[in-house]
Amino acid sequence: MNEQNPSAVSKYAPCMCTTILGALVIVFAWWTVRWGAMILTVIGILLILRGLANQCCCASSSCGTKAPVKQSATDNASV
């Protein structure tokens, strides 16, 4: 019933820069340093800006958010 065309479904892979920023949040949340609050604030601002822009902030080759693959005319004719 709920069959989907496999070529129309895009696979999700996480944005690596967001993953790294998330890991840094965890590290600086547990690591007690004087400037830790400033680092967490900067990382938070970067994550907010990344969310508002809705774009991956790293290189497209290392980012998993790629556009879905377009079907060719012969694939559309068979559907």
Protein backbone atom coordinates (compact mmCIF):
# COMPACT_ATOMS: atom_id res chain seq x y z
CA MET A 1 0.00 0.00 0.00
CA ASN A 2 2.56 2.57 1.08
CA GLU A 3 5.11 1.68 -1.54
CA GLN A 4 7.63 4.34 -2.42
CA ASN A 5 9.80 4.59 -5.46
CA PRO A 6 13.35 3.87 -4.18
CA SER A 7 14.89 6.39 -6.58
CA ALA A 8 12.57 9.14 -5.31
CA VAL A 9 13.49 8.69 -1.66
CA SER A 10 16.61 10.58 -0.64
CA LYS A 11 18.82 9.12 2.07
CA TYR A 12 19.63 11.24 5.10
CA ALA A 13 23.16 11.68 6.37
CA PRO A 14 23.99 14.15 9.14
CA CYS A 15 25.83 17.40 8.57
CA MET A 16 29.32 16.79 9.96
CA CYS A 17 29.91 20.36 11.15
CA THR A 18 26.75 20.25 13.28
CA THR A 19 27.82 16.89 14.70
CA ILE A 20 31.22 18.32 15.65
CA LEU A 21 29.63 21.41 17.24
CA GLY A 22 27.33 19.14 19.25
CA ALA A 23 30.31 17.11 20.46
CA LEU A 24 32.07 20.33 21.50
CA VAL A 25 29.02 21.36 23.51
CA ILE A 26 29.21 18.10 25.44
CA VAL A 27 32.97 18.45 26.01
CA PHE A 28 32.77 22.04 27.28
CA ALA A 29 29.68 21.31 29.39
CA TRP A 30 31.70 18.75 31.39
CA TRP A 31 35.14 20.37 31.20
CA THR A 32 35.49 23.13 33.80
CA VAL A 33 37.53 26.03 32.44
CA ARG A 34 37.16 29.79 32.96
CA TRP A 35 36.37 30.46 29.32
CA GLY A 36 34.04 27.47 28.91
CA ALA A 37 30.89 29.60 29.14
CA MET A 38 32.15 31.86 26.34
CA ILE A 39 32.89 28.84 24.12
CA LEU A 40 29.43 27.39 24.78
CA THR A 41 27.86 30.75 23.91
CA VAL A 42 29.76 30.95 20.61
CA ILE A 43 28.86 27.36 19.71
CA GLY A 44 25.21 28.08 20.57
CA ILE A 45 25.21 31.14 18.30
CA LEU A 46 26.73 29.08 15.47
CA LEU A 47 24.09 26.37 15.90
CA ILE A 48 21.30 28.96 15.89
CA LEU A 49 22.65 30.60 12.74
CA ARG A 50 23.00 27.21 11.06
CA GLY A 51 19.41 26.39 11.97
CA LEU A 52 18.10 29.72 10.68
CA ALA A 53 19.98 29.38 7.41
CA ASN A 54 18.84 25.74 7.03
CA GLN A 55 22.09 25.03 5.20
CA CYS A 56 25.02 22.82 6.03
CA CYS A 57 27.98 24.97 7.07
CA CYS A 58 30.68 22.53 5.96
CA ALA A 59 31.89 21.53 2.50
CA SER A 60 29.30 19.78 0.36
CA SER A 61 31.56 16.73 0.02
CA SER A 62 31.50 16.12 3.80
CA CYS A 63 27.87 17.07 4.26
CA GLY A 64 25.16 14.48 3.92
CA THR A 65 22.31 16.83 3.05
CA LYS A 66 22.26 16.36 -0.71
CA ALA A 67 19.47 17.08 -3.14
CA PRO A 68 17.29 14.12 -4.14
CA VAL A 69 18.26 12.31 -7.30
CA LYS A 70 16.17 13.33 -10.30
CA GLN A 71 14.51 10.62 -12.35
CA SER A 72 15.25 10.33 -16.01
CA ALA A 73 12.53 10.41 -18.69
CA THR A 74 12.71 6.62 -19.18
CA ASP A 75 12.16 6.05 -15.43
CA ASN A 76 9.12 8.33 -15.47
CA ALA A 77 7.66 6.49 -18.47
CA SER A 78 7.83 3.15 -16.66
CA VAL A 79 6.01 4.50 -13.58
